[in-house]
PDB file of N, CA and C in Angstrom:
ATOM      1  N   UNK A   1       0.833  -1.181   0.000  1.00  0.00           N
ATOM      2  CA  UNK A   1       0.000   0.000   0.000  1.00  0.00           C
ATOM      3  C   UNK A   1       0.879   1.247   0.000  1.00  0.00           C
ATOM      4  N   UNK A   2       0.273   2.346  -0.419  1.00  0.00           N
ATOM      5  CA  UNK A   2       0.919   3.638  -0.282  1.00  0.00           C
ATOM      6  C   UNK A   2      -0.098   4.615   0.305  1.00  0.00           C
ATOM      7  N   UNK A   3       0.347   5.807   0.599  1.00  0.00           N
ATOM      8  CA  UNK A   3      -0.489   6.835   1.197  1.00  0.00           C
ATOM      9  C   UNK A   3      -0.258   8.103   0.404  1.00  0.00           C
ATOM     10  N   UNK A   4      -1.313   8.597  -0.249  1.00  0.00           N
ATOM     11  CA  UNK A   4      -1.193   9.739  -1.148  1.00  0.00           C
ATOM     12  C   UNK A   4      -2.246  10.772  -0.762  1.00  0.00           C
ATOM     13  N   UNK A   5      -1.825  11.999  -0.470  1.00  0.00           N
ATOM     14  CA  UNK A   5      -2.748  13.085  -0.159  1.00  0.00           C
ATOM     15  C   UNK A   5      -2.930  13.924  -1.420  1.00  0.00           C
ATOM     16  N   UNK A   6      -4.187  14.272  -1.672  1.00  0.00           N
ATOM     17  CA  UNK A   6      -4.555  14.941  -2.918  1.00  0.00           C
ATOM     18  C   UNK A   6      -5.167  16.313  -2.679  1.00  0.00           C
ATOM     19  N   UNK A   7      -5.226  17.082  -3.742  1.00  0.00           N
ATOM     20  CA  UNK A   7      -5.944  18.348  -3.710  1.00  0.00           C
ATOM     21  C   UNK A   7      -7.445  18.058  -3.608  1.00  0.00           C
ATOM     22  N   UNK A   8      -8.193  18.956  -2.984  1.00  0.00           N
ATOM     23  CA  UNK A   8      -9.642  18.747  -2.856  1.00  0.00           C
ATOM     24  C   UNK A   8     -10.303  18.479  -4.210  1.00  0.00           C
ATOM     25  N   UNK A   9     -11.241  17.529  -4.189  1.00  0.00           N
ATOM     26  CA  UNK A   9     -12.022  17.222  -5.377  1.00  0.00           C
ATOM     27  C   UNK A   9     -11.340  16.370  -6.427  1.00  0.00           C
ATOM     28  N   UNK A  10     -10.170  15.814  -6.123  1.00  0.00           N
ATOM     29  CA  UNK A  10      -9.413  15.097  -7.164  1.00  0.00           C
ATOM     30  C   UNK A  10      -9.335  13.586  -6.952  1.00  0.00           C
ATOM     31  N   UNK A  11     -10.079  13.042  -6.006  1.00  0.00           N
ATOM     32  CA  UNK A  11      -9.983  11.612  -5.706  1.00  0.00           C
ATOM     33  C   UNK A  11     -10.269  10.747  -6.932  1.00  0.00           C
ATOM     34  N   UNK A  12     -11.384  10.959  -7.594  1.00  0.00           N
ATOM     35  CA  UNK A  12     -11.756  10.123  -8.740  1.00  0.00           C
ATOM     36  C   UNK A  12     -10.765  10.306  -9.886  1.00  0.00           C
ATOM     37  N   UNK A  13     -10.372  11.541 -10.149  1.00  0.00           N
ATOM     38  CA  UNK A  13      -9.417  11.803 -11.234  1.00  0.00           C
ATOM     39  C   UNK A  13      -8.102  11.062 -11.012  1.00  0.00           C
ATOM     40  N   UNK A  14      -7.545  11.167  -9.818  1.00  0.00           N
ATOM     41  CA  UNK A  14      -6.273  10.510  -9.531  1.00  0.00           C
ATOM     42  C   UNK A  14      -6.457   8.995  -9.444  1.00  0.00           C
ATOM     43  N   UNK A  15      -7.568   8.548  -8.874  1.00  0.00           N
ATOM     44  CA  UNK A  15      -7.842   7.108  -8.822  1.00  0.00           C
ATOM     45  C   UNK A  15      -7.935   6.495 -10.213  1.00  0.00           C
ATOM     46  N   UNK A  16      -8.665   7.149 -11.094  1.00  0.00           N
ATOM     47  CA  UNK A  16      -8.763   6.658 -12.475  1.00  0.00           C
ATOM     48  C   UNK A  16      -7.409   6.694 -13.170  1.00  0.00           C
ATOM     49  N   UNK A  17      -6.627   7.727 -12.904  1.00  0.00           N
ATOM     50  CA  UNK A  17      -5.290   7.821 -13.486  1.00  0.00           C
ATOM     51  C   UNK A  17      -4.404   6.693 -12.976  1.00  0.00           C
ATOM     52  N   UNK A  18      -4.521   6.376 -11.691  1.00  0.00           N
ATOM     53  CA  UNK A  18      -3.739   5.271 -11.119  1.00  0.00           C
ATOM     54  C   UNK A  18      -4.080   3.961 -11.816  1.00  0.00           C
ATOM     55  N   UNK A  19      -5.363   3.722 -12.061  1.00  0.00           N
ATOM     56  CA  UNK A  19      -5.774   2.499 -12.753  1.00  0.00           C
ATOM     57  C   UNK A  19      -5.277   2.489 -14.198  1.00  0.00           C
ATOM     58  N   UNK A  20      -5.373   3.629 -14.862  1.00  0.00           N
ATOM     59  CA  UNK A  20      -4.974   3.716 -16.268  1.00  0.00           C
ATOM     60  C   UNK A  20      -3.478   3.528 -16.456  1.00  0.00           C
ATOM     61  N   UNK A  21      -2.681   3.937 -15.481  1.00  0.00           N
ATOM     62  CA  UNK A  21      -1.230   3.832 -15.623  1.00  0.00           C
ATOM     63  C   UNK A  21      -0.664   2.560 -14.992  1.00  0.00           C
ATOM     64  N   UNK A  22      -1.537   1.698 -14.480  1.00  0.00           N
ATOM     65  CA  UNK A  22      -1.072   0.476 -13.809  1.00  0.00           C
ATOM     66  C   UNK A  22      -0.248  -0.423 -14.729  1.00  0.00           C
ATOM     67  N   UNK A  23      -0.557  -0.421 -16.005  1.00  0.00           N
ATOM     68  CA  UNK A  23       0.171  -1.265 -16.957  1.00  0.00           C
ATOM     69  C   UNK A  23       1.445  -0.597 -17.478  1.00  0.00           C
ATOM     70  N   UNK A  24       1.671   0.638 -17.121  1.00  0.00           N
ATOM     71  CA  UNK A  24       2.873   1.359 -17.539  1.00  0.00           C
ATOM     72  C   UNK A  24       4.088   0.724 -16.877  1.00  0.00           C
ATOM     73  N   UNK A  25       5.105   0.345 -17.637  1.00  0.00           N
ATOM     74  CA  UNK A  25       6.294  -0.274 -17.041  1.00  0.00           C
ATOM     75  C   UNK A  25       6.990   0.600 -15.998  1.00  0.00           C
ATOM     76  N   UNK A  26       6.746   1.905 -16.011  1.00  0.00           N
ATOM     77  CA  UNK A  26       7.374   2.804 -15.040  1.00  0.00           C
ATOM     78  C   UNK A  26       6.611   2.863 -13.721  1.00  0.00           C
ATOM     79  N   UNK A  27       5.405   2.309 -13.664  1.00  0.00           N
ATOM     80  CA  UNK A  27       4.591   2.391 -12.437  1.00  0.00           C
ATOM     81  C   UNK A  27       5.296   1.843 -11.197  1.00  0.00           C
ATOM     82  N   UNK A  28       5.917   0.670 -11.249  1.00  0.00           N
ATOM     83  CA  UNK A  28       6.605   0.188 -10.041  1.00  0.00           C
ATOM     84  C   UNK A  28       7.714   1.128  -9.570  1.00  0.00           C
ATOM     85  N   UNK A  29       8.436   1.728 -10.480  1.00  0.00           N
ATOM     86  CA  UNK A  29       9.511   2.639 -10.072  1.00  0.00           C
ATOM     87  C   UNK A  29       8.956   3.938  -9.489  1.00  0.00           C
ATOM     88  N   UNK A  30       7.713   4.266  -9.823  1.00  0.00           N
ATOM     89  CA  UNK A  30       7.038   5.438  -9.251  1.00  0.00           C
ATOM     90  C   UNK A  30       6.257   5.058  -7.995  1.00  0.00           C
ATOM     91  N   UNK A  31       6.418   3.807  -7.535  1.00  0.00           N
ATOM     92  CA  UNK A  31       5.713   3.319  -6.353  1.00  0.00           C
ATOM     93  C   UNK A  31       4.200   3.325  -6.582  1.00  0.00           C
ATOM     94  N   UNK A  32       3.780   3.191  -7.829  1.00  0.00           N
ATOM     95  CA  UNK A  32       2.376   3.202  -8.244  1.00  0.00           C
ATOM     96  C   UNK A  32       1.669   4.517  -7.942  1.00  0.00           C
ATOM     97  N   UNK A  33       2.436   5.590  -7.828  1.00  0.00           N
ATOM     98  CA  UNK A  33       1.874   6.926  -7.687  1.00  0.00           C
ATOM     99  C   UNK A  33       1.829   7.512  -9.099  1.00  0.00           C
ATOM    100  N   UNK A  34       0.642   7.788  -9.622  1.00  0.00           N
ATOM    101  CA  UNK A  34       0.568   8.293 -10.993  1.00  0.00           C
ATOM    102  C   UNK A  34       1.094   9.723 -11.088  1.00  0.00           C
ATOM    103  N   UNK A  35       1.602  10.108 -12.238  1.00  0.00           N
ATOM    104  CA  UNK A  35       2.060  11.489 -12.402  1.00  0.00           C
ATOM    105  C   UNK A  35       0.846  12.422 -12.442  1.00  0.00           C
ATOM    106  N   UNK A  36       0.770  13.338 -11.492  1.00  0.00           N
ATOM    107  CA  UNK A  36      -0.351  14.281 -11.441  1.00  0.00           C
ATOM    108  C   UNK A  36       0.025  15.482 -10.580  1.00  0.00           C
ATOM    109  N   UNK A  37      -0.390  16.651 -11.020  1.00  0.00           N
ATOM    110  CA  UNK A  37      -0.176  17.853 -10.218  1.00  0.00           C
ATOM    111  C   UNK A  37      -1.204  17.971  -9.094  1.00  0.00           C
ATOM    112  N   UNK A  38      -2.124  16.999  -8.997  1.00  0.00           N
ATOM    113  CA  UNK A  38      -3.132  16.977  -7.930  1.00  0.00           C
ATOM    114  C   UNK A  38      -2.603  16.298  -6.669  1.00  0.00           C
ATOM    115  N   UNK A  39      -1.416  15.701  -6.749  1.00  0.00           N
ATOM    116  CA  UNK A  39      -0.830  14.986  -5.612  1.00  0.00           C
ATOM    117  C   UNK A  39       0.009  15.952  -4.782  1.00  0.00           C
ATOM    118  N   UNK A  40      -0.308  16.028  -3.491  1.00  0.00           N
ATOM    119  CA  UNK A  40       0.404  16.921  -2.576  1.00  0.00           C
ATOM    120  C   UNK A  40       1.505  16.213  -1.803  1.00  0.00           C
ATOM    121  N   UNK A  41       1.304  14.931  -1.497  1.00  0.00           N
ATOM    122  CA  UNK A  41       2.267  14.152  -0.712  1.00  0.00           C
ATOM    123  C   UNK A  41       2.044  12.686  -1.015  1.00  0.00           C
ATOM    124  N   UNK A  42       3.118  11.914  -1.098  1.00  0.00           N
ATOM    125  CA  UNK A  42       2.985  10.481  -1.357  1.00  0.00           C
ATOM    126  C   UNK A  42       4.081   9.711  -0.639  1.00  0.00           C
ATOM    127  N   UNK A  43       3.690   8.591  -0.057  1.00  0.00           N
ATOM    128  CA  UNK A  43       4.663   7.685   0.535  1.00  0.00           C
ATOM    129  C   UNK A  43       5.180   6.750  -0.556  1.00  0.00           C
ATOM    130  N   UNK A  44       6.159   5.977  -0.192  1.00  0.00           N
ATOM    131  CA  UNK A  44       6.589   4.907  -1.089  1.00  0.00           C
ATOM    132  C   UNK A  44       5.644   3.722  -0.876  1.00  0.00           C
ATOM    133  N   UNK A  45       5.768   2.718  -1.693  1.00  0.00           N
ATOM    134  CA  UNK A  45       4.977   1.509  -1.540  1.00  0.00           C
ATOM    135  C   UNK A  45       5.484   0.744  -0.324  1.00  0.00           C
ATOM    136  N   UNK A  46       4.598   0.401   0.589  1.00  0.00           N
ATOM    137  CA  UNK A  46       4.984  -0.254   1.834  1.00  0.00           C
ATOM    138  C   UNK A  46       4.544  -1.705   1.839  1.00  0.00           C
ATOM    139  N   UNK A  47       5.403  -2.565   2.315  1.00  0.00           N
ATOM    140  CA  UNK A  47       5.107  -3.984   2.432  1.00  0.00           C
ATOM    141  C   UNK A  47       4.646  -4.287   3.862  1.00  0.00           C
ATOM    142  N   UNK A  48       4.119  -5.482   4.119  1.00  0.00           N
ATOM    143  CA  UNK A  48       3.678  -5.809   5.482  1.00  0.00           C
ATOM    144  C   UNK A  48       4.782  -5.555   6.512  1.00  0.00           C
ATOM    145  N   UNK A  49       4.403  -4.958   7.623  1.00  0.00           N
ATOM    146  CA  UNK A  49       5.269  -4.608   8.747  1.00  0.00           C
ATOM    147  C   UNK A  49       6.309  -3.542   8.397  1.00  0.00           C
ATOM    148  N   UNK A  50       6.159  -2.903   7.247  1.00  0.00           N
ATOM    149  CA  UNK A  50       7.037  -1.812   6.841  1.00  0.00           C
ATOM    150  C   UNK A  50       6.387  -0.498   7.261  1.00  0.00           C
ATOM    151  N   UNK A  51       7.177   0.542   7.421  1.00  0.00           N
ATOM    152  CA  UNK A  51       6.620   1.842   7.783  1.00  0.00           C
ATOM    153  C   UNK A  51       7.462   2.947   7.149  1.00  0.00           C
ATOM    154  N   UNK A  52       6.884   4.114   7.114  1.00  0.00           N
ATOM    155  CA  UNK A  52       7.576   5.296   6.624  1.00  0.00           C
ATOM    156  C   UNK A  52       7.016   6.491   7.373  1.00  0.00           C
ATOM    157  N   UNK A  53       7.881   7.345   7.847  1.00  0.00           N
ATOM    158  CA  UNK A  53       7.460   8.561   8.521  1.00  0.00           C
ATOM    159  C   UNK A  53       7.438   9.692   7.501  1.00  0.00           C
ATOM    160  N   UNK A  54       6.314  10.396   7.442  1.00  0.00           N
ATOM    161  CA  UNK A  54       6.166  11.524   6.532  1.00  0.00           C
ATOM    162  C   UNK A  54       5.984  12.797   7.346  1.00  0.00           C
ATOM    163  N   UNK A  55       6.659  13.839   6.963  1.00  0.00           N
ATOM    164  CA  UNK A  55       6.463  15.154   7.566  1.00  0.00           C
ATOM    165  C   UNK A  55       5.895  16.074   6.501  1.00  0.00           C
ATOM    166  N   UNK A  56       4.876  16.839   6.892  1.00  0.00           N
ATOM    167  CA  UNK A  56       4.196  17.653   5.916  1.00  0.00           C
ATOM    168  C   UNK A  56       3.449  18.761   6.629  1.00  0.00           C
ATOM    169  N   UNK A  57       3.469  19.934   6.093  1.00  0.00           N
ATOM    170  CA  UNK A  57       2.680  21.032   6.630  1.00  0.00           C
ATOM    171  C   UNK A  57       1.331  21.034   5.933  1.00  0.00           C
ATOM    172  N   UNK A  58       0.273  20.910   6.722  1.00  0.00           N
ATOM    173  CA  UNK A  58      -1.072  20.920   6.155  1.00  0.00           C
ATOM    174  C   UNK A  58      -1.319  22.248   5.445  1.00  0.00           C
ATOM    175  N   UNK A  59      -2.121  22.227   4.402  1.00  0.00           N
ATOM    176  CA  UNK A  59      -2.417  23.467   3.688  1.00  0.00           C
ATOM    177  C   UNK A  59      -3.076  24.498   4.606  1.00  0.00           C
ATOM    178  N   UNK A  60      -2.840  25.761   4.321  1.00  0.00           N
ATOM    179  CA  UNK A  60      -3.477  26.817   5.108  1.00  0.00           C
ATOM    180  C   UNK A  60      -4.895  27.076   4.625  1.00  0.00           C
ATOM    181  N   UNK A  61      -5.214  26.638   3.427  1.00  0.00           N
ATOM    182  CA  UNK A  61      -6.548  26.825   2.868  1.00  0.00           C
ATOM    183  C   UNK A  61      -7.480  25.732   3.389  1.00  0.00           C
ATOM    184  N   UNK A  62      -8.597  26.147   3.972  1.00  0.00           N
ATOM    185  CA  UNK A  62      -9.576  25.183   4.477  1.00  0.00           C
ATOM    186  C   UNK A  62     -10.131  24.346   3.329  1.00  0.00           C
ATOM    187  N   UNK A  63     -10.392  23.084   3.612  1.00  0.00           N
ATOM    188  CA  UNK A  63     -10.959  22.204   2.603  1.00  0.00           C
ATOM    189  C   UNK A  63     -10.891  20.760   3.038  1.00  0.00           C
ATOM    190  N   UNK A  64     -11.409  19.896   2.191  1.00  0.00           N
ATOM    191  CA  UNK A  64     -11.380  18.455   2.421  1.00  0.00           C
ATOM    192  C   UNK A  64     -10.354  17.878   1.451  1.00  0.00           C
ATOM    193  N   UNK A  65      -9.249  17.389   2.007  1.00  0.00           N
ATOM    194  CA  UNK A  65      -8.137  16.862   1.224  1.00  0.00           C
ATOM    195  C   UNK A  65      -8.199  15.337   1.273  1.00  0.00           C
ATOM    196  N   UNK A  66      -8.534  14.694   0.152  1.00  0.00           N
ATOM    197  CA  UNK A  66      -8.625  13.238   0.167  1.00  0.00           C
ATOM    198  C   UNK A  66      -7.249  12.586   0.277  1.00  0.00           C
ATOM    199  N   UNK A  67      -7.227  11.411   0.902  1.00  0.00           N
ATOM    200  CA  UNK A  67      -6.034  10.568   0.855  1.00  0.00           C
ATOM    201  C   UNK A  67      -6.460   9.204   0.350  1.00  0.00           C
ATOM    202  N   UNK A  68      -5.515   8.497  -0.274  1.00  0.00           N
ATOM    203  CA  UNK A  68      -5.867   7.289  -1.011  1.00  0.00           C
ATOM    204  C   UNK A  68      -4.644   6.387  -1.175  1.00  0.00           C
ATOM    205  N   UNK A  69      -4.890   5.114  -1.367  1.00  0.00           N
ATOM    206  CA  UNK A  69      -3.864   4.167  -1.804  1.00  0.00           C
ATOM    207  C   UNK A  69      -4.001   4.036  -3.315  1.00  0.00           C
ATOM    208  N   UNK A  70      -2.942   4.346  -4.045  1.00  0.00           N
ATOM    209  CA  UNK A  70      -3.004   4.304  -5.506  1.00  0.00           C
ATOM    210  C   UNK A  70      -2.456   3.005  -6.096  1.00  0.00           C
ATOM    211  N   UNK A  71      -2.210   2.002  -5.258  1.00  0.00           N
ATOM    212  CA  UNK A  71      -1.825   0.699  -5.798  1.00  0.00           C
ATOM    213  C   UNK A  71      -2.996   0.204  -6.649  1.00  0.00           C
ATOM    214  N   UNK A  72      -2.725  -0.418  -7.805  1.00  0.00           N
ATOM    215  CA  UNK A  72      -3.800  -0.819  -8.707  1.00  0.00           C
ATOM    216  C   UNK A  72      -4.912  -1.619  -8.002  1.00  0.00           C
ATOM    217  N   UNK A  73      -6.135  -1.155  -8.220  1.00  0.00           N
ATOM    218  CA  UNK A  73      -7.306  -1.821  -7.669  1.00  0.00           C
ATOM    219  C   UNK A  73      -7.685  -1.399  -6.260  1.00  0.00           C
ATOM    220  N   UNK A  74      -6.908  -0.562  -5.617  1.00  0.00           N
ATOM    221  CA  UNK A  74      -7.161  -0.226  -4.219  1.00  0.00           C
ATOM    222  C   UNK A  74      -7.937   1.074  -4.006  1.00  0.00           C
ATOM    223  N   UNK A  75      -7.840   2.020  -4.897  1.00  0.00           N
ATOM    224  CA  UNK A  75      -8.316   3.366  -4.611  1.00  0.00           C
ATOM    225  C   UNK A  75      -9.811   3.451  -4.314  1.00  0.00           C
ATOM    226  N   UNK A  76     -10.617   2.592  -4.890  1.00  0.00           N
ATOM    227  CA  UNK A  76     -12.074   2.682  -4.680  1.00  0.00           C
ATOM    228  C   UNK A  76     -12.507   2.335  -3.265  1.00  0.00           C
ATOM    229  N   UNK A  77     -11.680   1.586  -2.544  1.00  0.00           N
ATOM    230  CA  UNK A  77     -12.052   1.179  -1.177  1.00  0.00           C
ATOM    231  C   UNK A  77     -11.121   1.730  -0.107  1.00  0.00           C
ATOM    232  N   UNK A  78      -9.923   2.099  -0.501  1.00  0.00           N
ATOM    233  CA  UNK A  78      -8.930   2.546   0.474  1.00  0.00           C
ATOM    234  C   UNK A  78      -8.704   4.048   0.316  1.00  0.00           C
ATOM    235  N   UNK A  79      -9.602   4.808   0.910  1.00  0.00           N
ATOM    236  CA  UNK A  79      -9.484   6.259   0.844  1.00  0.00           C
ATOM    237  C   UNK A  79     -10.158   6.879   2.056  1.00  0.00           C
ATOM    238  N   UNK A  80      -9.820   8.112   2.313  1.00  0.00           N
ATOM    239  CA  UNK A  80     -10.393   8.859   3.425  1.00  0.00           C
ATOM    240  C   UNK A  80     -10.209  10.338   3.152  1.00  0.00           C
ATOM    241  N   UNK A  81     -10.343  11.148   4.197  1.00  0.00           N
ATOM    242  CA  UNK A  81     -10.253  12.586   3.997  1.00  0.00           C
ATOM    243  C   UNK A  81      -9.601  13.250   5.200  1.00  0.00           C
ATOM    244  N   UNK A  82      -8.799  14.246   4.890  1.00  0.00           N
ATOM    245  CA  UNK A  82      -8.194  15.123   5.886  1.00  0.00           C
ATOM    246  C   UNK A  82      -8.936  16.449   5.818  1.00  0.00           C
ATOM    247  N   UNK A  83      -9.541  16.839   6.928  1.00  0.00           N
ATOM    248  CA  UNK A  83     -10.285  18.101   6.978  1.00  0.00           C
ATOM    249  C   UNK A  83      -9.404  19.197   7.551  1.00  0.00           C
ATOM    250  N   UNK A  84      -9.234  20.262   6.791  1.00  0.00           N
ATOM    251  CA  UNK A  84      -8.430  21.400   7.221  1.00  0.00           C
ATOM    252  C   UNK A  84      -9.364  22.588   7.408  1.00  0.00           C
TER     253      UNK A  84
END
């Protein structure tokens, strides 16, 4: 799994992009994070019992910032929201 924070309103766009680029040979090297200017922060792909610490300053603009796993097939069920 990975952890990707997005700009408000971009969950479906980035999720669909993640699915569309899943067959791209470069996807594994990008940790299955699709190329998009809607992505604010992304972890690497994590395996069981693996972890990664991320530091990030939340946006100053109020809004609902979705987060999602962009590994192929995961985005439709593995998502949530950060409220600022």
